[in-house]
Amino acid sequence: MDFTTTLGITGAGIVLFGFVLNQFGILSTKSRIYDLLNVVGPGILVVYAILLDSVPFLILNVVWAVASAYSFSKTFKKET
């Protein structure tokens, strides 16, 4: 398996892991871990999309990662 494929599988696996944990009620959508998985997974998939030269996939994952990063950052503001 080449590096690009491994990168794509890793990013998709992280996203799917968060999704499955949420579906089984293990992680809430308001959980920091859930948000973190949804920043890291799409962040990796952004690199994957660039390597594939896939603009639609790039746009999808940039928006996903930015929205999740915003949600993740809000969890820290609630504590202060």
N, C-alpha and C. Protein backbone atom coordinates (compact mmCIF):
# COMPACT_ATOMS: atom_id res chain seq x y z
N MET A 1 0.86 -1.17 0.00
CA MET A 1 0.00 0.00 0.00
C MET A 1 0.90 1.24 0.00
N ASP A 2 0.60 2.19 -0.86
CA ASP A 2 1.43 3.39 -0.94
C ASP A 2 1.04 4.43 0.12
N PHE A 3 1.87 5.45 0.24
CA PHE A 3 1.66 6.48 1.26
C PHE A 3 0.32 7.20 1.10
N THR A 4 -0.03 7.55 -0.12
CA THR A 4 -1.27 8.29 -0.37
C THR A 4 -2.49 7.48 0.07
N THR A 5 -2.51 6.21 -0.26
CA THR A 5 -3.63 5.35 0.14
C THR A 5 -3.69 5.22 1.66
N THR A 6 -2.55 5.03 2.28
CA THR A 6 -2.49 4.93 3.74
C THR A 6 -3.01 6.21 4.38
N LEU A 7 -2.64 7.34 3.83
CA LEU A 7 -3.10 8.63 4.34
C LEU A 7 -4.62 8.74 4.25
N GLY A 8 -5.17 8.37 3.11
CA GLY A 8 -6.62 8.43 2.92
C GLY A 8 -7.36 7.50 3.85
N ILE A 9 -6.86 6.30 4.01
CA ILE A 9 -7.50 5.34 4.92
C ILE A 9 -7.43 5.83 6.36
N THR A 10 -6.32 6.41 6.74
CA THR A 10 -6.17 6.93 8.10
C THR A 10 -7.16 8.06 8.37
N GLY A 11 -7.21 9.04 7.47
CA GLY A 11 -8.14 10.16 7.64
C GLY A 11 -9.58 9.71 7.67
N ALA A 12 -9.96 8.86 6.73
CA ALA A 12 -11.34 8.35 6.68
C ALA A 12 -11.65 7.52 7.91
N GLY A 13 -10.67 6.74 8.36
CA GLY A 13 -10.87 5.92 9.56
C GLY A 13 -11.14 6.75 10.80
N ILE A 14 -10.42 7.85 10.93
CA ILE A 14 -10.62 8.74 12.08
C ILE A 14 -12.02 9.34 12.05
N VAL A 15 -12.44 9.82 10.88
CA VAL A 15 -13.78 10.40 10.74
C VAL A 15 -14.85 9.34 11.05
N LEU A 16 -14.69 8.16 10.49
CA LEU A 16 -15.67 7.10 10.71
C LEU A 16 -15.69 6.63 12.15
N PHE A 17 -14.54 6.61 12.80
CA PHE A 17 -14.46 6.23 14.21
C PHE A 17 -15.31 7.17 15.07
N GLY A 18 -15.17 8.48 14.85
CA GLY A 18 -15.98 9.45 15.58
C GLY A 18 -17.46 9.29 15.28
N PHE A 19 -17.79 9.05 14.02
CA PHE A 19 -19.18 8.86 13.62
C PHE A 19 -19.79 7.64 14.30
N VAL A 20 -19.08 6.53 14.28
CA VAL A 20 -19.59 5.30 14.90
C VAL A 20 -19.75 5.47 16.40
N LEU A 21 -18.77 6.09 17.05
CA LEU A 21 -18.88 6.32 18.49
C LEU A 21 -20.09 7.20 18.82
N ASN A 22 -20.36 8.16 17.98
CA ASN A 22 -21.54 9.01 18.17
C ASN A 22 -22.82 8.22 17.95
N GLN A 23 -22.87 7.41 16.93
CA GLN A 23 -24.08 6.64 16.62
C GLN A 23 -24.42 5.65 17.72
N PHE A 24 -23.40 5.12 18.40
CA PHE A 24 -23.63 4.18 19.49
C PHE A 24 -23.78 4.86 20.84
N GLY A 25 -23.81 6.19 20.83
CA GLY A 25 -24.04 6.94 22.07
C GLY A 25 -22.83 7.02 22.98
N ILE A 26 -21.66 6.70 22.48
CA ILE A 26 -20.45 6.74 23.30
C ILE A 26 -19.89 8.16 23.35
N LEU A 27 -19.98 8.88 22.24
CA LEU A 27 -19.54 10.27 22.18
C LEU A 27 -20.70 11.16 21.78
N SER A 28 -20.84 12.27 22.46
CA SER A 28 -21.83 13.28 22.10
C SER A 28 -21.23 14.20 21.03
N THR A 29 -22.09 14.80 20.23
CA THR A 29 -21.60 15.77 19.24
C THR A 29 -21.04 17.01 19.93
N LYS A 30 -21.28 17.17 21.21
CA LYS A 30 -20.75 18.29 21.97
C LYS A 30 -19.44 17.93 22.68
N SER A 31 -18.96 16.72 22.48
CA SER A 31 -17.74 16.24 23.11
C SER A 31 -16.51 16.83 22.43
N ARG A 32 -15.51 17.18 23.24
CA ARG A 32 -14.24 17.67 22.69
C ARG A 32 -13.56 16.61 21.83
N ILE A 33 -13.64 15.38 22.28
CA ILE A 33 -13.01 14.28 21.53
C ILE A 33 -13.67 14.14 20.16
N TYR A 34 -14.99 14.23 20.13
CA TYR A 34 -15.72 14.14 18.86
C TYR A 34 -15.27 15.26 17.91
N ASP A 35 -15.21 16.48 18.44
CA ASP A 35 -14.76 17.60 17.62
C ASP A 35 -13.31 17.42 17.17
N LEU A 36 -12.47 16.94 18.08
CA LEU A 36 -11.07 16.73 17.73
C LEU A 36 -10.92 15.69 16.62
N LEU A 37 -11.67 14.61 16.70
CA LEU A 37 -11.64 13.60 15.63
C LEU A 37 -12.09 14.21 14.31
N ASN A 38 -13.04 15.15 14.39
CA ASN A 38 -13.56 15.79 13.19
C ASN A 38 -12.72 16.97 12.72
N VAL A 39 -11.65 17.27 13.43
CA VAL A 39 -10.65 18.22 12.94
C VAL A 39 -9.48 17.43 12.34
N VAL A 40 -9.03 16.43 13.06
CA VAL A 40 -7.85 15.66 12.63
C VAL A 40 -8.14 14.84 11.37
N GLY A 41 -9.25 14.10 11.37
CA GLY A 41 -9.59 13.25 10.22
C GLY A 41 -9.69 14.05 8.92
N PRO A 42 -10.55 15.08 8.88
CA PRO A 42 -10.62 15.88 7.66
C PRO A 42 -9.33 16.64 7.36
N GLY A 43 -8.56 16.99 8.40
CA GLY A 43 -7.27 17.63 8.16
C GLY A 43 -6.35 16.72 7.36
N ILE A 44 -6.33 15.46 7.73
CA ILE A 44 -5.54 14.48 6.98
C ILE A 44 -6.11 14.31 5.58
N LEU A 45 -7.44 14.31 5.48
CA LEU A 45 -8.08 14.15 4.17
C LEU A 45 -7.87 15.37 3.26
N VAL A 46 -7.59 16.52 3.84
CA VAL A 46 -7.23 17.70 3.04
C VAL A 46 -5.92 17.42 2.29
N VAL A 47 -4.95 16.89 3.01
CA VAL A 47 -3.68 16.54 2.39
C VAL A 47 -3.90 15.48 1.31
N TYR A 48 -4.70 14.49 1.63
CA TYR A 48 -5.03 13.43 0.68
C TYR A 48 -5.67 14.00 -0.59
N ALA A 49 -6.62 14.93 -0.42
CA ALA A 49 -7.29 15.55 -1.57
C ALA A 49 -6.30 16.34 -2.42
N ILE A 50 -5.36 17.01 -1.77
CA ILE A 50 -4.34 17.76 -2.51
C ILE A 50 -3.48 16.79 -3.33
N LEU A 51 -3.07 15.68 -2.71
CA LEU A 51 -2.26 14.70 -3.42
C LEU A 51 -3.00 14.09 -4.60
N LEU A 52 -4.33 13.96 -4.46
CA LEU A 52 -5.14 13.41 -5.54
C LEU A 52 -5.56 14.47 -6.55
N ASP A 53 -5.32 15.74 -6.21
CA ASP A 53 -5.76 16.85 -7.04
C ASP A 53 -7.29 16.84 -7.21
N SER A 54 -7.98 16.61 -6.09
CA SER A 54 -9.45 16.52 -6.09
C SER A 54 -10.04 17.74 -5.40
N VAL A 55 -10.42 18.72 -6.20
CA VAL A 55 -10.94 19.98 -5.66
C VAL A 55 -12.24 19.79 -4.86
N PRO A 56 -13.23 19.03 -5.35
CA PRO A 56 -14.45 18.86 -4.56
C PRO A 56 -14.18 18.23 -3.19
N PHE A 57 -13.32 17.21 -3.16
CA PHE A 57 -12.99 16.54 -1.90
C PHE A 57 -12.21 17.47 -0.99
N LEU A 58 -11.38 18.32 -1.57
CA LEU A 58 -10.63 19.31 -0.82
C LEU A 58 -11.57 20.31 -0.16
N ILE A 59 -12.51 20.85 -0.91
CA ILE A 59 -13.47 21.82 -0.38
C ILE A 59 -14.28 21.21 0.76
N LEU A 60 -14.79 20.00 0.54
CA LEU A 60 -15.57 19.31 1.56
C LEU A 60 -14.80 19.21 2.87
N ASN A 61 -13.57 18.77 2.80
CA ASN A 61 -12.80 18.52 4.01
C ASN A 61 -12.25 19.78 4.66
N VAL A 62 -11.98 20.82 3.87
CA VAL A 62 -11.57 22.10 4.47
C VAL A 62 -12.74 22.67 5.28
N VAL A 63 -13.93 22.67 4.69
CA VAL A 63 -15.10 23.18 5.41
C VAL A 63 -15.37 22.34 6.65
N TRP A 64 -15.30 21.04 6.53
CA TRP A 64 -15.54 20.13 7.66
C TRP A 64 -14.54 20.40 8.79
N ALA A 65 -13.26 20.50 8.45
CA ALA A 65 -12.23 20.72 9.46
C ALA A 65 -12.37 22.09 10.12
N VAL A 66 -12.66 23.12 9.33
CA VAL A 66 -12.80 24.48 9.89
C VAL A 66 -14.02 24.57 10.81
N ALA A 67 -15.14 24.01 10.39
CA ALA A 67 -16.35 24.03 11.22
C ALA A 67 -16.11 23.27 12.52
N SER A 68 -15.44 22.14 12.44
CA SER A 68 -15.15 21.35 13.64
C SER A 68 -14.15 22.06 14.54
N ALA A 69 -13.17 22.74 13.95
CA ALA A 69 -12.20 23.49 14.74
C ALA A 69 -12.89 24.63 15.48
N TYR A 70 -13.84 25.27 14.82
CA TYR A 70 -14.61 26.34 15.47
C TYR A 70 -15.39 25.77 16.66
N SER A 71 -16.06 24.65 16.45
CA SER A 71 -16.82 24.01 17.52
C SER A 71 -15.89 23.57 18.65
N PHE A 72 -14.73 23.03 18.31
CA PHE A 72 -13.74 22.60 19.30
C PHE A 72 -13.26 23.79 20.12
N SER A 73 -13.00 24.92 19.47
CA SER A 73 -12.51 26.09 20.20
C SER A 73 -13.56 26.65 21.14
N LYS A 74 -14.83 26.52 20.79
CA LYS A 74 -15.91 27.02 21.67
C LYS A 74 -15.97 26.25 22.99
N THR A 75 -15.55 24.98 23.00
CA THR A 75 -15.60 24.21 24.23
C THR A 75 -14.63 24.75 25.27
N PHE A 76 -13.55 25.39 24.82
CA PHE A 76 -12.59 25.97 25.75
C PHE A 76 -13.07 27.31 26.30
N LYS A 77 -13.82 28.04 25.51
CA LYS A 77 -14.33 29.34 25.94
C LYS A 77 -15.40 29.18 27.01
N LYS A 78 -16.13 28.06 27.00
CA LYS A 78 -17.18 27.83 28.00
C LYS A 78 -16.60 27.65 29.40
N GLU A 79 -15.37 27.15 29.49
CA GLU A 79 -14.76 26.89 30.78
C GLU A 79 -14.26 28.16 31.48
N THR A 80 -13.95 29.19 30.72
CA THR A 80 -13.36 30.39 31.33
C THR A 80 -14.41 31.36 31.82
